[in-house]
Amino acid sequence: MPQLRPDERCPIPISTIHVDGVDQDGSPQPDMTGCHQPSDRFTGNVVPFAWFAQGLRLVDVSDPFAPCEVARYVPDPPEGCERASSNDVTVDDRGLIYLIDRQRGVDIIETDAL
């Protein structure tokens, strides 16, 4: 039997992950609530995501049909701001995570979840 190959011109989603407490009823969300950027540097099956007001989310993609959040870090909003604004994330060779916030600078996070 011939093996079916996906058509790269027509990608199809195979799974979705949602952050707890966000978009529970489908109503419009405040600006800068959703996912912004996955790290382009990671090893293994856990991908760090900068999730704007929801901070850092670590998602295990071992089973691409059922990704799951394994850890999170939500920075306190800086003085004068209602929410954090996590914008970008990267990981160094030691496994330290650098979470950049548009309003307050950088949080450096250490975890054994990677």
N, C-alpha and C. Protein backbone atom coordinates (compact mmCIF):
# COMPACT_ATOMS: atom_id res chain seq x y z
N MET A 1 0.85 -1.17 0.00
CA MET A 1 0.00 0.00 0.00
C MET A 1 0.90 1.24 0.00
N PRO A 2 0.65 2.20 -0.86
CA PRO A 2 1.50 3.40 -0.91
C PRO A 2 1.27 4.27 0.33
N GLN A 3 2.36 4.88 0.78
CA GLN A 3 2.28 5.76 1.95
C GLN A 3 1.82 7.15 1.50
N LEU A 4 0.85 7.70 2.20
CA LEU A 4 0.35 9.04 1.88
C LEU A 4 1.32 10.08 2.41
N ARG A 5 1.60 11.07 1.61
CA ARG A 5 2.50 12.15 2.03
C ARG A 5 1.70 13.43 2.15
N PRO A 6 1.95 14.21 3.20
CA PRO A 6 1.23 15.48 3.33
C PRO A 6 1.62 16.43 2.20
N ASP A 7 0.70 17.26 1.83
CA ASP A 7 0.94 18.27 0.81
C ASP A 7 1.36 19.56 1.51
N GLU A 8 2.62 19.94 1.36
CA GLU A 8 3.13 21.13 2.06
C GLU A 8 2.45 22.41 1.59
N ARG A 9 1.76 22.37 0.48
CA ARG A 9 1.03 23.56 0.01
C ARG A 9 -0.32 23.71 0.68
N CYS A 10 -0.70 22.68 1.44
CA CYS A 10 -2.02 22.68 2.07
C CYS A 10 -1.90 22.10 3.49
N PRO A 11 -1.25 22.84 4.41
CA PRO A 11 -1.09 22.31 5.77
C PRO A 11 -2.44 22.22 6.49
N ILE A 12 -2.51 21.26 7.40
CA ILE A 12 -3.73 21.10 8.20
C ILE A 12 -3.32 21.04 9.67
N PRO A 13 -4.09 21.68 10.55
CA PRO A 13 -3.77 21.61 11.98
C PRO A 13 -4.07 20.20 12.52
N ILE A 14 -3.25 19.79 13.46
CA ILE A 14 -3.48 18.48 14.08
C ILE A 14 -3.80 18.60 15.57
N SER A 15 -3.54 19.77 16.16
CA SER A 15 -3.87 19.97 17.57
C SER A 15 -3.84 21.45 17.91
N THR A 16 -4.35 21.75 19.09
CA THR A 16 -4.40 23.12 19.59
C THR A 16 -4.18 23.08 21.09
N ILE A 17 -3.58 24.14 21.62
CA ILE A 17 -3.45 24.25 23.07
C ILE A 17 -4.03 25.59 23.50
N HIS A 18 -4.72 25.57 24.62
CA HIS A 18 -5.32 26.79 25.17
C HIS A 18 -4.75 27.05 26.55
N VAL A 19 -4.62 28.32 26.90
CA VAL A 19 -4.16 28.71 28.23
C VAL A 19 -5.37 28.77 29.15
N ASP A 20 -5.26 28.12 30.30
CA ASP A 20 -6.36 28.12 31.27
C ASP A 20 -6.80 29.54 31.61
N GLY A 21 -8.11 29.75 31.64
CA GLY A 21 -8.66 31.03 32.05
C GLY A 21 -8.75 32.07 30.96
N VAL A 22 -8.25 31.79 29.77
CA VAL A 22 -8.30 32.75 28.67
C VAL A 22 -9.30 32.26 27.64
N ASP A 23 -10.15 33.17 27.19
CA ASP A 23 -11.12 32.87 26.13
C ASP A 23 -11.99 31.67 26.48
N GLN A 24 -12.58 31.70 27.66
CA GLN A 24 -13.42 30.58 28.11
C GLN A 24 -14.74 30.50 27.37
N ASP A 25 -15.26 31.63 26.92
CA ASP A 25 -16.58 31.61 26.29
C ASP A 25 -16.57 32.14 24.85
N GLY A 26 -15.40 32.38 24.30
CA GLY A 26 -15.31 32.86 22.92
C GLY A 26 -15.51 34.35 22.76
N SER A 27 -15.68 35.06 23.88
CA SER A 27 -15.88 36.51 23.78
C SER A 27 -14.54 37.19 23.45
N PRO A 28 -14.59 38.39 22.90
CA PRO A 28 -13.35 39.10 22.58
C PRO A 28 -12.49 39.27 23.83
N GLN A 29 -11.20 39.14 23.66
CA GLN A 29 -10.23 39.27 24.74
C GLN A 29 -9.52 40.62 24.64
N PRO A 30 -8.97 41.10 25.75
CA PRO A 30 -8.19 42.34 25.67
C PRO A 30 -7.02 42.16 24.72
N ASP A 31 -6.56 43.27 24.14
CA ASP A 31 -5.37 43.22 23.29
C ASP A 31 -4.22 42.59 24.04
N MET A 32 -3.32 41.96 23.30
CA MET A 32 -2.08 41.39 23.83
C MET A 32 -2.37 40.31 24.88
N THR A 33 -3.32 39.44 24.59
CA THR A 33 -3.67 38.35 25.49
C THR A 33 -3.14 37.01 24.99
N GLY A 34 -3.06 36.83 23.69
CA GLY A 34 -2.72 35.53 23.11
C GLY A 34 -1.24 35.24 23.03
N CYS A 35 -0.95 34.13 22.38
CA CYS A 35 0.43 33.69 22.18
C CYS A 35 1.14 34.68 21.27
N HIS A 36 2.39 34.99 21.60
CA HIS A 36 3.15 35.89 20.75
C HIS A 36 4.26 35.19 20.00
N GLN A 37 5.14 34.47 20.72
CA GLN A 37 6.32 33.93 20.06
C GLN A 37 6.83 32.68 20.74
N PRO A 38 6.96 31.58 19.99
CA PRO A 38 7.67 30.43 20.54
C PRO A 38 9.17 30.66 20.40
N SER A 39 9.92 30.09 21.31
CA SER A 39 11.37 30.20 21.21
C SER A 39 11.85 29.45 19.99
N ASP A 40 12.79 30.03 19.26
CA ASP A 40 13.34 29.31 18.12
C ASP A 40 14.55 28.47 18.53
N ARG A 41 14.90 28.52 19.83
CA ARG A 41 15.97 27.69 20.39
C ARG A 41 15.40 26.85 21.52
N PHE A 42 15.45 25.55 21.36
CA PHE A 42 15.08 24.65 22.45
C PHE A 42 15.62 23.27 22.11
N THR A 43 15.75 22.44 23.12
CA THR A 43 16.14 21.05 22.90
C THR A 43 15.08 20.17 23.55
N GLY A 44 14.94 18.99 23.05
CA GLY A 44 13.94 18.11 23.63
C GLY A 44 12.55 18.42 23.11
N ASN A 45 11.56 18.10 23.93
CA ASN A 45 10.16 18.21 23.52
C ASN A 45 9.38 19.34 24.17
N VAL A 46 10.05 20.14 25.00
CA VAL A 46 9.36 21.24 25.68
C VAL A 46 9.74 22.56 25.00
N VAL A 47 8.72 23.26 24.51
CA VAL A 47 8.91 24.50 23.78
C VAL A 47 8.47 25.67 24.65
N PRO A 48 9.35 26.65 24.91
CA PRO A 48 8.95 27.86 25.63
C PRO A 48 8.19 28.82 24.70
N PHE A 49 7.11 29.38 25.20
CA PHE A 49 6.32 30.36 24.46
C PHE A 49 6.18 31.64 25.27
N ALA A 50 6.39 32.80 24.63
CA ALA A 50 6.03 34.09 25.23
C ALA A 50 4.55 34.30 24.90
N TRP A 51 3.73 34.49 25.94
CA TRP A 51 2.28 34.52 25.77
C TRP A 51 1.71 35.84 26.25
N PHE A 52 2.32 36.96 25.81
CA PHE A 52 1.90 38.31 26.19
C PHE A 52 1.50 38.40 27.66
N ALA A 53 0.25 38.76 27.98
CA ALA A 53 -0.16 38.98 29.37
C ALA A 53 -0.16 37.69 30.19
N GLN A 54 -0.05 36.56 29.54
CA GLN A 54 -0.04 35.28 30.24
C GLN A 54 1.37 34.78 30.52
N GLY A 55 2.39 35.61 30.26
CA GLY A 55 3.77 35.29 30.62
C GLY A 55 4.42 34.21 29.78
N LEU A 56 5.17 33.36 30.46
CA LEU A 56 5.90 32.26 29.83
C LEU A 56 5.10 30.98 29.99
N ARG A 57 4.96 30.23 28.91
CA ARG A 57 4.29 28.94 28.95
C ARG A 57 5.25 27.91 28.37
N LEU A 58 5.46 26.80 29.09
CA LEU A 58 6.29 25.71 28.60
C LEU A 58 5.36 24.58 28.17
N VAL A 59 5.43 24.23 26.90
CA VAL A 59 4.50 23.27 26.31
C VAL A 59 5.25 22.03 25.85
N ASP A 60 4.84 20.88 26.36
CA ASP A 60 5.42 19.61 25.96
C ASP A 60 4.71 19.14 24.69
N VAL A 61 5.50 18.96 23.63
CA VAL A 61 4.95 18.53 22.35
C VAL A 61 5.37 17.10 22.02
N SER A 62 5.67 16.30 23.06
CA SER A 62 6.05 14.89 22.85
C SER A 62 5.01 14.17 22.00
N ASP A 63 3.76 14.42 22.29
CA ASP A 63 2.67 13.90 21.48
C ASP A 63 2.08 15.09 20.73
N PRO A 64 2.43 15.27 19.46
CA PRO A 64 1.96 16.46 18.74
C PRO A 64 0.45 16.52 18.58
N PHE A 65 -0.24 15.42 18.82
CA PHE A 65 -1.70 15.42 18.75
C PHE A 65 -2.33 15.84 20.07
N ALA A 66 -1.51 15.93 21.13
CA ALA A 66 -2.03 16.32 22.45
C ALA A 66 -0.95 17.10 23.22
N PRO A 67 -0.57 18.30 22.74
CA PRO A 67 0.41 19.08 23.49
C PRO A 67 -0.17 19.49 24.84
N CYS A 68 0.71 19.64 25.84
CA CYS A 68 0.21 20.03 27.16
C CYS A 68 1.20 20.98 27.84
N GLU A 69 0.64 21.89 28.60
CA GLU A 69 1.46 22.83 29.36
C GLU A 69 2.06 22.10 30.56
N VAL A 70 3.38 22.24 30.74
CA VAL A 70 4.05 21.57 31.85
C VAL A 70 4.56 22.55 32.91
N ALA A 71 4.64 23.83 32.56
CA ALA A 71 5.07 24.84 33.53
C ALA A 71 4.71 26.22 32.98
N ARG A 72 4.67 27.19 33.91
CA ARG A 72 4.40 28.57 33.48
C ARG A 72 5.02 29.53 34.48
N TYR A 73 5.23 30.74 34.02
CA TYR A 73 5.72 31.83 34.85
C TYR A 73 5.03 33.09 34.34
N VAL A 74 4.28 33.74 35.21
CA VAL A 74 3.61 34.99 34.84
C VAL A 74 4.21 36.09 35.69
N PRO A 75 4.98 36.99 35.05
CA PRO A 75 5.60 38.06 35.82
C PRO A 75 4.54 39.04 36.35
N ASP A 76 4.86 39.65 37.48
CA ASP A 76 4.00 40.71 37.99
C ASP A 76 4.02 41.88 37.02
N PRO A 77 2.87 42.54 36.83
CA PRO A 77 2.89 43.72 35.96
C PRO A 77 3.73 44.82 36.59
N PRO A 78 4.46 45.56 35.78
CA PRO A 78 5.24 46.66 36.34
C PRO A 78 4.32 47.77 36.86
N GLU A 79 4.87 48.60 37.71
CA GLU A 79 4.10 49.71 38.27
C GLU A 79 3.50 50.55 37.15
N GLY A 80 2.21 50.86 37.29
CA GLY A 80 1.51 51.67 36.30
C GLY A 80 0.91 50.87 35.15
N CYS A 81 1.10 49.55 35.16
CA CYS A 81 0.56 48.70 34.09
C CYS A 81 -0.41 47.68 34.69
N GLU A 82 -1.43 47.35 33.94
CA GLU A 82 -2.41 46.37 34.42
C GLU A 82 -1.94 44.93 34.27
N ARG A 83 -1.14 44.67 33.22
CA ARG A 83 -0.73 43.30 32.93
C ARG A 83 0.71 43.28 32.44
N ALA A 84 1.30 42.10 32.51
CA ALA A 84 2.62 41.91 31.92
C ALA A 84 2.48 41.97 30.40
N SER A 85 3.59 42.08 29.71
CA SER A 85 3.57 42.09 28.25
C SER A 85 4.76 41.29 27.73
N SER A 86 4.73 39.98 28.01
CA SER A 86 5.82 39.10 27.59
C SER A 86 5.84 39.03 26.07
N ASN A 87 6.98 39.38 25.50
CA ASN A 87 7.04 39.59 24.07
C ASN A 87 7.89 38.56 23.33
N ASP A 88 9.03 38.22 23.86
CA ASP A 88 9.94 37.29 23.20
C ASP A 88 10.57 36.38 24.24
N VAL A 89 11.02 35.20 23.80
CA VAL A 89 11.64 34.24 24.70
C VAL A 89 12.74 33.50 23.96
N THR A 90 13.82 33.22 24.68
CA THR A 90 14.88 32.38 24.13
C THR A 90 15.51 31.60 25.28
N VAL A 91 16.28 30.59 24.93
CA VAL A 91 16.92 29.72 25.90
C VAL A 91 18.40 29.68 25.56
N ASP A 92 19.26 29.76 26.60
CA ASP A 92 20.70 29.67 26.33
C ASP A 92 21.18 28.22 26.47
N ASP A 93 22.47 28.01 26.24
CA ASP A 93 23.04 26.66 26.27
C ASP A 93 22.99 26.01 27.65
N ARG A 94 22.82 26.80 28.70
CA ARG A 94 22.71 26.27 30.06
C ARG A 94 21.28 25.92 30.43
N GLY A 95 20.34 26.27 29.58
CA GLY A 95 18.93 26.02 29.87
C GLY A 95 18.24 27.17 30.58
N LEU A 96 18.93 28.31 30.71
CA LEU A 96 18.27 29.49 31.29
C LEU A 96 17.34 30.10 30.25
N ILE A 97 16.17 30.52 30.70
CA ILE A 97 15.16 31.09 29.81
C ILE A 97 15.16 32.60 30.01
N TYR A 98 15.19 33.34 28.91
CA TYR A 98 15.15 34.80 28.94
C TYR A 98 13.82 35.24 28.37
N LEU A 99 13.00 35.83 29.24
CA LEU A 99 11.66 36.28 28.86
C LEU A 99 11.67 37.80 28.82
N ILE A 100 11.48 38.35 27.63
CA ILE A 100 11.55 39.80 27.44
C ILE A 100 10.15 40.38 27.55
N ASP A 101 10.03 41.42 28.35
CA ASP A 101 8.75 42.10 28.55
C ASP A 101 8.85 43.48 27.92
N ARG A 102 7.85 43.87 27.18
CA ARG A 102 7.85 45.17 26.49
C ARG A 102 7.89 46.35 27.46
N GLN A 103 7.47 46.13 28.70
CA GLN A 103 7.32 47.23 29.64
C GLN A 103 8.39 47.28 30.72
N ARG A 104 9.06 46.15 30.98
CA ARG A 104 9.92 46.14 32.16
C ARG A 104 11.28 45.52 31.99
N GLY A 105 11.63 45.00 30.86
CA GLY A 105 12.96 44.43 30.69
C GLY A 105 12.95 42.94 30.52
N VAL A 106 13.84 42.25 31.23
CA VAL A 106 14.05 40.82 31.03
C VAL A 106 13.93 40.08 32.35
N ASP A 107 13.22 38.97 32.35
CA ASP A 107 13.23 38.02 33.46
C ASP A 107 14.09 36.85 33.02
N ILE A 108 14.97 36.38 33.91
CA ILE A 108 15.79 35.21 33.63
C ILE A 108 15.26 34.10 34.53
N ILE A 109 14.87 32.99 33.91
CA ILE A 109 14.15 31.94 34.61
C ILE A 109 14.92 30.63 34.51
N GLU A 110 15.02 29.95 35.65
CA GLU A 110 15.64 28.64 35.69
C GLU A 110 14.56 27.63 36.05
N THR A 111 14.54 26.50 35.34
CA THR A 111 13.52 25.48 35.59
C THR A 111 14.09 24.10 35.25
N ASP A 112 13.54 23.10 35.87
CA ASP A 112 13.93 21.73 35.50
C ASP A 112 12.89 21.12 34.56
N ALA A 113 11.95 21.93 34.08
CA ALA A 113 10.90 21.43 33.18
C ALA A 113 11.38 21.26 31.75
N LEU A 114 12.54 21.82 31.41
CA LEU A 114 13.04 21.69 30.03
C LEU A 114 13.70 20.34 29.83
